[in-house]
PDB file of N, CA and C in Angstrom:
ATOM      1  N   UNK A   1       9.645  -0.083  19.489  1.00  0.00           N
ATOM      2  CA  UNK A   1       8.998   0.891  18.626  1.00  0.00           C
ATOM      3  C   UNK A   1       9.202   0.541  17.161  1.00  0.00           C
ATOM      4  N   UNK A   2      10.377   0.000  16.847  1.00  0.00           N
ATOM      5  CA  UNK A   2      10.641  -0.351  15.466  1.00  0.00           C
ATOM      6  C   UNK A   2       9.751  -1.506  15.020  1.00  0.00           C
ATOM      7  N   UNK A   3       9.416  -2.425  15.949  1.00  0.00           N
ATOM      8  CA  UNK A   3       8.539  -3.538  15.618  1.00  0.00           C
ATOM      9  C   UNK A   3       7.143  -3.059  15.262  1.00  0.00           C
ATOM     10  N   UNK A   4       6.659  -2.043  15.942  1.00  0.00           N
ATOM     11  CA  UNK A   4       5.338  -1.500  15.645  1.00  0.00           C
ATOM     12  C   UNK A   4       5.346  -0.838  14.279  1.00  0.00           C
ATOM     13  N   UNK A   5       6.425  -0.152  13.942  1.00  0.00           N
ATOM     14  CA  UNK A   5       6.534   0.485  12.629  1.00  0.00           C
ATOM     15  C   UNK A   5       6.541  -0.566  11.528  1.00  0.00           C
ATOM     16  N   UNK A   6       7.286  -1.653  11.728  1.00  0.00           N
ATOM     17  CA  UNK A   6       7.315  -2.713  10.730  1.00  0.00           C
ATOM     18  C   UNK A   6       5.956  -3.390  10.614  1.00  0.00           C
ATOM     19  N   UNK A   7       5.271  -3.577  11.721  1.00  0.00           N
ATOM     20  CA  UNK A   7       3.939  -4.170  11.693  1.00  0.00           C
ATOM     21  C   UNK A   7       2.962  -3.258  10.951  1.00  0.00           C
ATOM     22  N   UNK A   8       3.094  -1.967  11.143  1.00  0.00           N
ATOM     23  CA  UNK A   8       2.246  -1.009  10.442  1.00  0.00           C
ATOM     24  C   UNK A   8       2.480  -1.080   8.941  1.00  0.00           C
ATOM     25  N   UNK A   9       3.746  -1.136   8.527  1.00  0.00           N
ATOM     26  CA  UNK A   9       4.046  -1.215   7.099  1.00  0.00           C
ATOM     27  C   UNK A   9       3.569  -2.535   6.506  1.00  0.00           C
ATOM     28  N   UNK A  10       3.669  -3.619   7.263  1.00  0.00           N
ATOM     29  CA  UNK A  10       3.193  -4.906   6.785  1.00  0.00           C
ATOM     30  C   UNK A  10       1.674  -4.886   6.612  1.00  0.00           C
ATOM     31  N   UNK A  11       0.980  -4.267   7.543  1.00  0.00           N
ATOM     32  CA  UNK A  11      -0.469  -4.150   7.446  1.00  0.00           C
ATOM     33  C   UNK A  11      -0.858  -3.277   6.249  1.00  0.00           C
ATOM     34  N   UNK A  12      -0.125  -2.201   6.036  1.00  0.00           N
ATOM     35  CA  UNK A  12      -0.376  -1.326   4.892  1.00  0.00           C
ATOM     36  C   UNK A  12      -0.155  -2.073   3.579  1.00  0.00           C
ATOM     37  N   UNK A  13       0.869  -2.891   3.539  1.00  0.00           N
ATOM     38  CA  UNK A  13       1.142  -3.683   2.349  1.00  0.00           C
ATOM     39  C   UNK A  13      -0.002  -4.650   2.075  1.00  0.00           C
ATOM     40  N   UNK A  14      -0.470  -5.325   3.100  1.00  0.00           N
ATOM     41  CA  UNK A  14      -1.576  -6.252   2.931  1.00  0.00           C
ATOM     42  C   UNK A  14      -2.858  -5.571   2.481  1.00  0.00           C
ATOM     43  N   UNK A  15      -3.137  -4.422   3.067  1.00  0.00           N
ATOM     44  CA  UNK A  15      -4.351  -3.699   2.695  1.00  0.00           C
ATOM     45  C   UNK A  15      -4.268  -3.141   1.277  1.00  0.00           C
ATOM     46  N   UNK A  16      -3.088  -2.685   0.870  1.00  0.00           N
ATOM     47  CA  UNK A  16      -2.956  -2.119  -0.470  1.00  0.00           C
ATOM     48  C   UNK A  16      -3.053  -3.186  -1.543  1.00  0.00           C
ATOM     49  N   UNK A  17      -2.883  -4.445  -1.180  1.00  0.00           N
ATOM     50  CA  UNK A  17      -3.033  -5.537  -2.141  1.00  0.00           C
ATOM     51  C   UNK A  17      -4.446  -6.126  -2.069  1.00  0.00           C
ATOM     52  N   UNK A  18      -4.969  -6.326  -0.882  1.00  0.00           N
ATOM     53  CA  UNK A  18      -6.243  -7.033  -0.726  1.00  0.00           C
ATOM     54  C   UNK A  18      -7.464  -6.162  -1.026  1.00  0.00           C
ATOM     55  N   UNK A  19      -7.453  -4.917  -0.597  1.00  0.00           N
ATOM     56  CA  UNK A  19      -8.653  -4.092  -0.744  1.00  0.00           C
ATOM     57  C   UNK A  19      -9.029  -3.776  -2.190  1.00  0.00           C
ATOM     58  N   UNK A  20      -8.093  -3.441  -3.076  1.00  0.00           N
ATOM     59  CA  UNK A  20      -8.530  -3.188  -4.462  1.00  0.00           C
ATOM     60  C   UNK A  20      -9.169  -4.413  -5.112  1.00  0.00           C
ATOM     61  N   UNK A  21      -8.566  -5.575  -4.905  1.00  0.00           N
ATOM     62  CA  UNK A  21      -9.115  -6.788  -5.500  1.00  0.00           C
ATOM     63  C   UNK A  21     -10.502  -7.097  -4.929  1.00  0.00           C
ATOM     64  N   UNK A  22     -10.640  -7.037  -3.624  1.00  0.00           N
ATOM     65  CA  UNK A  22     -11.935  -7.303  -2.994  1.00  0.00           C
ATOM     66  C   UNK A  22     -12.970  -6.254  -3.401  1.00  0.00           C
ATOM     67  N   UNK A  23     -12.565  -5.019  -3.477  1.00  0.00           N
ATOM     68  CA  UNK A  23     -13.487  -3.949  -3.864  1.00  0.00           C
ATOM     69  C   UNK A  23     -14.023  -4.123  -5.276  1.00  0.00           C
ATOM     70  N   UNK A  24     -13.139  -4.473  -6.211  1.00  0.00           N
ATOM     71  CA  UNK A  24     -13.596  -4.681  -7.579  1.00  0.00           C
ATOM     72  C   UNK A  24     -14.488  -5.912  -7.698  1.00  0.00           C
ATOM     73  N   UNK A  25     -14.209  -6.954  -6.926  1.00  0.00           N
ATOM     74  CA  UNK A  25     -15.062  -8.143  -6.972  1.00  0.00           C
ATOM     75  C   UNK A  25     -16.444  -7.820  -6.409  1.00  0.00           C
ATOM     76  N   UNK A  26     -16.501  -7.099  -5.286  1.00  0.00           N
ATOM     77  CA  UNK A  26     -17.805  -6.704  -4.738  1.00  0.00           C
ATOM     78  C   UNK A  26     -18.559  -5.799  -5.707  1.00  0.00           C
ATOM     79  N   UNK A  27     -17.843  -4.908  -6.385  1.00  0.00           N
ATOM     80  CA  UNK A  27     -18.473  -4.045  -7.378  1.00  0.00           C
ATOM     81  C   UNK A  27     -19.045  -4.873  -8.526  1.00  0.00           C
ATOM     82  N   UNK A  28     -18.310  -5.874  -8.971  1.00  0.00           N
ATOM     83  CA  UNK A  28     -18.782  -6.708 -10.074  1.00  0.00           C
ATOM     84  C   UNK A  28     -20.026  -7.493  -9.680  1.00  0.00           C
ATOM     85  N   UNK A  29     -20.022  -8.048  -8.477  1.00  0.00           N
ATOM     86  CA  UNK A  29     -21.200  -8.806  -8.022  1.00  0.00           C
ATOM     87  C   UNK A  29     -22.401  -7.878  -7.897  1.00  0.00           C
ATOM     88  N   UNK A  30     -22.188  -6.679  -7.392  1.00  0.00           N
ATOM     89  CA  UNK A  30     -23.293  -5.728  -7.264  1.00  0.00           C
ATOM     90  C   UNK A  30     -23.836  -5.332  -8.642  1.00  0.00           C
ATOM     91  N   UNK A  31     -22.924  -5.038  -9.593  1.00  0.00           N
ATOM     92  CA  UNK A  31     -23.365  -4.661 -10.933  1.00  0.00           C
ATOM     93  C   UNK A  31     -24.128  -5.807 -11.603  1.00  0.00           C
ATOM     94  N   UNK A  32     -23.655  -7.022 -11.403  1.00  0.00           N
ATOM     95  CA  UNK A  32     -24.312  -8.183 -12.005  1.00  0.00           C
ATOM     96  C   UNK A  32     -25.707  -8.381 -11.406  1.00  0.00           C
ATOM     97  N   UNK A  33     -25.830  -8.228 -10.104  1.00  0.00           N
ATOM     98  CA  UNK A  33     -27.131  -8.418  -9.460  1.00  0.00           C
ATOM     99  C   UNK A  33     -28.079  -7.244  -9.682  1.00  0.00           C
ATOM    100  N   UNK A  34     -27.564  -6.035  -9.674  1.00  0.00           N
ATOM    101  CA  UNK A  34     -28.399  -4.842  -9.775  1.00  0.00           C
ATOM    102  C   UNK A  34     -28.919  -4.620 -11.197  1.00  0.00           C
ATOM    103  N   UNK A  35     -28.039  -4.807 -12.189  1.00  0.00           N
ATOM    104  CA  UNK A  35     -28.407  -4.486 -13.561  1.00  0.00           C
ATOM    105  C   UNK A  35     -28.566  -5.716 -14.456  1.00  0.00           C
ATOM    106  N   UNK A  36     -28.330  -6.900 -13.900  1.00  0.00           N
ATOM    107  CA  UNK A  36     -28.508  -8.115 -14.679  1.00  0.00           C
ATOM    108  C   UNK A  36     -27.438  -8.330 -15.724  1.00  0.00           C
ATOM    109  N   UNK A  37     -26.268  -7.757 -15.525  1.00  0.00           N
ATOM    110  CA  UNK A  37     -25.178  -7.939 -16.484  1.00  0.00           C
ATOM    111  C   UNK A  37     -24.649  -9.364 -16.362  1.00  0.00           C
ATOM    112  N   UNK A  38     -23.993  -9.822 -17.383  1.00  0.00           N
ATOM    113  CA  UNK A  38     -23.497 -11.192 -17.409  1.00  0.00           C
ATOM    114  C   UNK A  38     -22.238 -11.376 -16.572  1.00  0.00           C
ATOM    115  N   UNK A  39     -21.671 -12.560 -16.719  1.00  0.00           N
ATOM    116  CA  UNK A  39     -20.458 -12.889 -15.970  1.00  0.00           C
ATOM    117  C   UNK A  39     -19.225 -12.159 -16.488  1.00  0.00           C
ATOM    118  N   UNK A  40     -19.337 -11.540 -17.651  1.00  0.00           N
ATOM    119  CA  UNK A  40     -18.191 -10.836 -18.202  1.00  0.00           C
ATOM    120  C   UNK A  40     -17.760  -9.681 -17.298  1.00  0.00           C
ATOM    121  N   UNK A  41     -18.712  -9.052 -16.608  1.00  0.00           N
ATOM    122  CA  UNK A  41     -18.364  -7.929 -15.734  1.00  0.00           C
ATOM    123  C   UNK A  41     -17.511  -8.410 -14.565  1.00  0.00           C
ATOM    124  N   UNK A  42     -17.744  -9.638 -14.133  1.00  0.00           N
ATOM    125  CA  UNK A  42     -16.927 -10.198 -13.052  1.00  0.00           C
ATOM    126  C   UNK A  42     -15.486 -10.360 -13.506  1.00  0.00           C
ATOM    127  N   UNK A  43     -15.294 -10.888 -14.716  1.00  0.00           N
ATOM    128  CA  UNK A  43     -13.929 -11.085 -15.211  1.00  0.00           C
ATOM    129  C   UNK A  43     -13.213  -9.758 -15.464  1.00  0.00           C
ATOM    130  N   UNK A  44     -13.933  -8.769 -15.956  1.00  0.00           N
ATOM    131  CA  UNK A  44     -13.321  -7.451 -16.174  1.00  0.00           C
ATOM    132  C   UNK A  44     -12.892  -6.849 -14.831  1.00  0.00           C
ATOM    133  N   UNK A  45     -13.742  -6.957 -13.840  1.00  0.00           N
ATOM    134  CA  UNK A  45     -13.403  -6.391 -12.529  1.00  0.00           C
ATOM    135  C   UNK A  45     -12.295  -7.180 -11.836  1.00  0.00           C
ATOM    136  N   UNK A  46     -12.215  -8.482 -12.054  1.00  0.00           N
ATOM    137  CA  UNK A  46     -11.112  -9.256 -11.482  1.00  0.00           C
ATOM    138  C   UNK A  46      -9.789  -8.808 -12.104  1.00  0.00           C
ATOM    139  N   UNK A  47      -9.783  -8.594 -13.403  1.00  0.00           N
ATOM    140  CA  UNK A  47      -8.552  -8.124 -14.066  1.00  0.00           C
ATOM    141  C   UNK A  47      -8.184  -6.736 -13.554  1.00  0.00           C
ATOM    142  N   UNK A  48      -9.156  -5.837 -13.456  1.00  0.00           N
ATOM    143  CA  UNK A  48      -8.885  -4.495 -12.927  1.00  0.00           C
ATOM    144  C   UNK A  48      -8.402  -4.548 -11.481  1.00  0.00           C
ATOM    145  N   UNK A  49      -8.996  -5.430 -10.689  1.00  0.00           N
ATOM    146  CA  UNK A  49      -8.571  -5.581  -9.302  1.00  0.00           C
ATOM    147  C   UNK A  49      -7.155  -6.113  -9.196  1.00  0.00           C
ATOM    148  N   UNK A  50      -6.801  -7.082 -10.043  1.00  0.00           N
ATOM    149  CA  UNK A  50      -5.435  -7.613 -10.023  1.00  0.00           C
ATOM    150  C   UNK A  50      -4.422  -6.561 -10.438  1.00  0.00           C
ATOM    151  N   UNK A  51      -4.757  -5.784 -11.452  1.00  0.00           N
ATOM    152  CA  UNK A  51      -3.844  -4.712 -11.878  1.00  0.00           C
ATOM    153  C   UNK A  51      -3.669  -3.698 -10.760  1.00  0.00           C
ATOM    154  N   UNK A  52      -4.769  -3.324 -10.106  1.00  0.00           N
ATOM    155  CA  UNK A  52      -4.687  -2.365  -8.998  1.00  0.00           C
ATOM    156  C   UNK A  52      -3.903  -2.943  -7.822  1.00  0.00           C
ATOM    157  N   UNK A  53      -4.107  -4.225  -7.530  1.00  0.00           N
ATOM    158  CA  UNK A  53      -3.398  -4.866  -6.424  1.00  0.00           C
ATOM    159  C   UNK A  53      -1.900  -4.950  -6.713  1.00  0.00           C
ATOM    160  N   UNK A  54      -1.546  -5.299  -7.936  1.00  0.00           N
ATOM    161  CA  UNK A  54      -0.123  -5.368  -8.293  1.00  0.00           C
ATOM    162  C   UNK A  54       0.531  -3.990  -8.258  1.00  0.00           C
ATOM    163  N   UNK A  55      -0.211  -2.967  -8.668  1.00  0.00           N
ATOM    164  CA  UNK A  55       0.337  -1.616  -8.595  1.00  0.00           C
ATOM    165  C   UNK A  55       0.512  -1.183  -7.148  1.00  0.00           C
ATOM    166  N   UNK A  56      -0.429  -1.519  -6.291  1.00  0.00           N
ATOM    167  CA  UNK A  56      -0.284  -1.208  -4.867  1.00  0.00           C
ATOM    168  C   UNK A  56       0.888  -1.944  -4.248  1.00  0.00           C
ATOM    169  N   UNK A  57       1.081  -3.199  -4.638  1.00  0.00           N
ATOM    170  CA  UNK A  57       2.230  -3.968  -4.158  1.00  0.00           C
ATOM    171  C   UNK A  57       3.537  -3.340  -4.623  1.00  0.00           C
ATOM    172  N   UNK A  58       3.586  -2.959  -5.894  1.00  0.00           N
ATOM    173  CA  UNK A  58       4.803  -2.342  -6.439  1.00  0.00           C
ATOM    174  C   UNK A  58       5.121  -1.030  -5.731  1.00  0.00           C
ATOM    175  N   UNK A  59       4.110  -0.199  -5.524  1.00  0.00           N
ATOM    176  CA  UNK A  59       4.327   1.083  -4.856  1.00  0.00           C
ATOM    177  C   UNK A  59       4.775   0.888  -3.406  1.00  0.00           C
ATOM    178  N   UNK A  60       4.170  -0.062  -2.709  1.00  0.00           N
ATOM    179  CA  UNK A  60       4.539  -0.308  -1.308  1.00  0.00           C
ATOM    180  C   UNK A  60       5.957  -0.846  -1.195  1.00  0.00           C
ATOM    181  N   UNK A  61       6.312  -1.782  -2.074  1.00  0.00           N
ATOM    182  CA  UNK A  61       7.667  -2.325  -2.031  1.00  0.00           C
ATOM    183  C   UNK A  61       8.715  -1.280  -2.409  1.00  0.00           C
ATOM    184  N   UNK A  62       8.362  -0.406  -3.345  1.00  0.00           N
ATOM    185  CA  UNK A  62       9.285   0.669  -3.713  1.00  0.00           C
ATOM    186  C   UNK A  62       9.508   1.610  -2.535  1.00  0.00           C
ATOM    187  N   UNK A  63       8.446   1.940  -1.828  1.00  0.00           N
ATOM    188  CA  UNK A  63       8.562   2.823  -0.670  1.00  0.00           C
ATOM    189  C   UNK A  63       9.349   2.156   0.451  1.00  0.00           C
ATOM    190  N   UNK A  64       9.076   0.871   0.692  1.00  0.00           N
ATOM    191  CA  UNK A  64       9.807   0.154   1.735  1.00  0.00           C
ATOM    192  C   UNK A  64      11.288   0.058   1.411  1.00  0.00           C
ATOM    193  N   UNK A  65      11.622  -0.174   0.158  1.00  0.00           N
ATOM    194  CA  UNK A  65      13.040  -0.255  -0.196  1.00  0.00           C
ATOM    195  C   UNK A  65      13.707   1.113  -0.086  1.00  0.00           C
ATOM    196  N   UNK A  66      12.970   2.164  -0.429  1.00  0.00           N
ATOM    197  CA  UNK A  66      13.534   3.512  -0.292  1.00  0.00           C
ATOM    198  C   UNK A  66      13.742   3.868   1.174  1.00  0.00           C
ATOM    199  N   UNK A  67      12.810   3.474   2.031  1.00  0.00           N
ATOM    200  CA  UNK A  67      12.956   3.748   3.461  1.00  0.00           C
ATOM    201  C   UNK A  67      14.070   2.912   4.075  1.00  0.00           C
ATOM    202  N   UNK A  68      14.237   1.692   3.604  1.00  0.00           N
ATOM    203  CA  UNK A  68      15.268   0.822   4.139  1.00  0.00           C
ATOM    204  C   UNK A  68      16.664   1.207   3.701  1.00  0.00           C
ATOM    205  N   UNK A  69      16.782   1.793   2.506  1.00  0.00           N
ATOM    206  CA  UNK A  69      18.108   2.116   1.995  1.00  0.00           C
ATOM    207  C   UNK A  69      18.550   3.531   2.349  1.00  0.00           C
ATOM    208  N   UNK A  70      17.647   4.361   2.812  1.00  0.00           N
ATOM    209  CA  UNK A  70      18.046   5.726   3.155  1.00  0.00           C
ATOM    210  C   UNK A  70      18.881   5.711   4.428  1.00  0.00           C
ATOM    211  N   UNK A  71      20.054   6.287   4.313  1.00  0.00           N
ATOM    212  CA  UNK A  71      20.955   6.357   5.460  1.00  0.00           C
ATOM    213  C   UNK A  71      21.019   7.802   5.939  1.00  0.00           C
ATOM    214  N   UNK A  72      20.939   7.943   7.219  1.00  0.00           N
ATOM    215  CA  UNK A  72      21.006   9.286   7.775  1.00  0.00           C
ATOM    216  C   UNK A  72      22.447   9.767   7.720  1.00  0.00           C
ATOM    217  N   UNK A  73      22.589  10.992   7.310  1.00  0.00           N
ATOM    218  CA  UNK A  73      23.920  11.569   7.267  1.00  0.00           C
ATOM    219  C   UNK A  73      24.413  11.805   8.689  1.00  0.00           C
ATOM    220  N   UNK A  74      25.697  11.613   8.896  1.00  0.00           N
ATOM    221  CA  UNK A  74      26.280  11.824  10.219  1.00  0.00           C
ATOM    222  C   UNK A  74      26.609  13.304  10.390  1.00  0.00           C
ATOM    223  N   UNK A  75      25.608  14.053  10.716  1.00  0.00           N
ATOM    224  CA  UNK A  75      25.784  15.484  10.954  1.00  0.00           C
ATOM    225  C   UNK A  75      26.147  15.682  12.415  1.00  0.00           C
ATOM    226  N   UNK A  76      26.946  16.673  12.681  1.00  0.00           N
ATOM    227  CA  UNK A  76      27.275  16.933  14.086  1.00  0.00           C
ATOM    228  C   UNK A  76      26.011  17.348  14.832  1.00  0.00           C
ATOM    229  N   UNK A  77      25.922  16.982  16.095  1.00  0.00           N
ATOM    230  CA  UNK A  77      24.717  17.339  16.852  1.00  0.00           C
ATOM    231  C   UNK A  77      24.613  18.849  17.013  1.00  0.00           C
ATOM    232  N   UNK A  78      23.395  19.302  17.092  1.00  0.00           N
ATOM    233  CA  UNK A  78      23.168  20.731  17.263  1.00  0.00           C
ATOM    234  C   UNK A  78      23.657  21.161  18.643  1.00  0.00           C
ATOM    235  N   UNK A  79      24.137  22.390  18.707  1.00  0.00           N
ATOM    236  CA  UNK A  79      24.643  22.911  19.977  1.00  0.00           C
ATOM    237  C   UNK A  79      23.486  23.230  20.908  1.00  0.00           C
ATOM    238  N   UNK A  80      23.590  22.814  22.134  1.00  0.00           N
ATOM    239  CA  UNK A  80      22.538  23.112  23.092  1.00  0.00           C
ATOM    240  C   UNK A  80      22.758  24.521  23.648  1.00  0.00           C
ATOM    241  N   UNK A  81      21.875  24.938  24.501  1.00  0.00           N
ATOM    242  CA  UNK A  81      21.922  26.309  25.017  1.00  0.00           C
ATOM    243  C   UNK A  81      23.240  26.587  25.746  1.00  0.00           C
ATOM    244  N   UNK A  82      23.721  25.671  26.528  1.00  0.00           N
ATOM    245  CA  UNK A  82      24.933  25.902  27.323  1.00  0.00           C
ATOM    246  C   UNK A  82      26.215  25.640  26.545  1.00  0.00           C
ATOM    247  N   UNK A  83      26.136  25.091  25.353  1.00  0.00           N
ATOM    248  CA  UNK A  83      27.338  24.770  24.595  1.00  0.00           C
ATOM    249  C   UNK A  83      27.754  25.861  23.627  1.00  0.00           C
ATOM    250  N   UNK A  84      27.078  26.970  23.573  1.00  0.00           N
ATOM    251  CA  UNK A  84      27.460  28.040  22.660  1.00  0.00           C
ATOM    252  C   UNK A  84      28.760  28.686  23.147  1.00  0.00           C
ATOM    253  N   UNK A  85      29.573  29.082  22.202  1.00  0.00           N
ATOM    254  CA  UNK A  85      30.842  29.757  22.555  1.00  0.00           C
ATOM    255  C   UNK A  85      30.665  31.237  22.714  1.00  0.00           C
TER     256      UNK A  85
END
């Protein structure tokens, strides 16, 4: 079960980095073709995509480190129905 959780987080990390960059590039190509804008729109969208991808990477790594470093407190187990005094 832990392997599936790690695989899920790895997939989330990949998507949070790849999708913003790809989305901005597709947006730039569409804007260039639809409105006849120059190549400058491609470079602006690549920069925006890289910034978004790096922010997604930073947020994902911060969350993963927080999840990895959180230690569960050793609380006594809750009393079951038959263990009450």
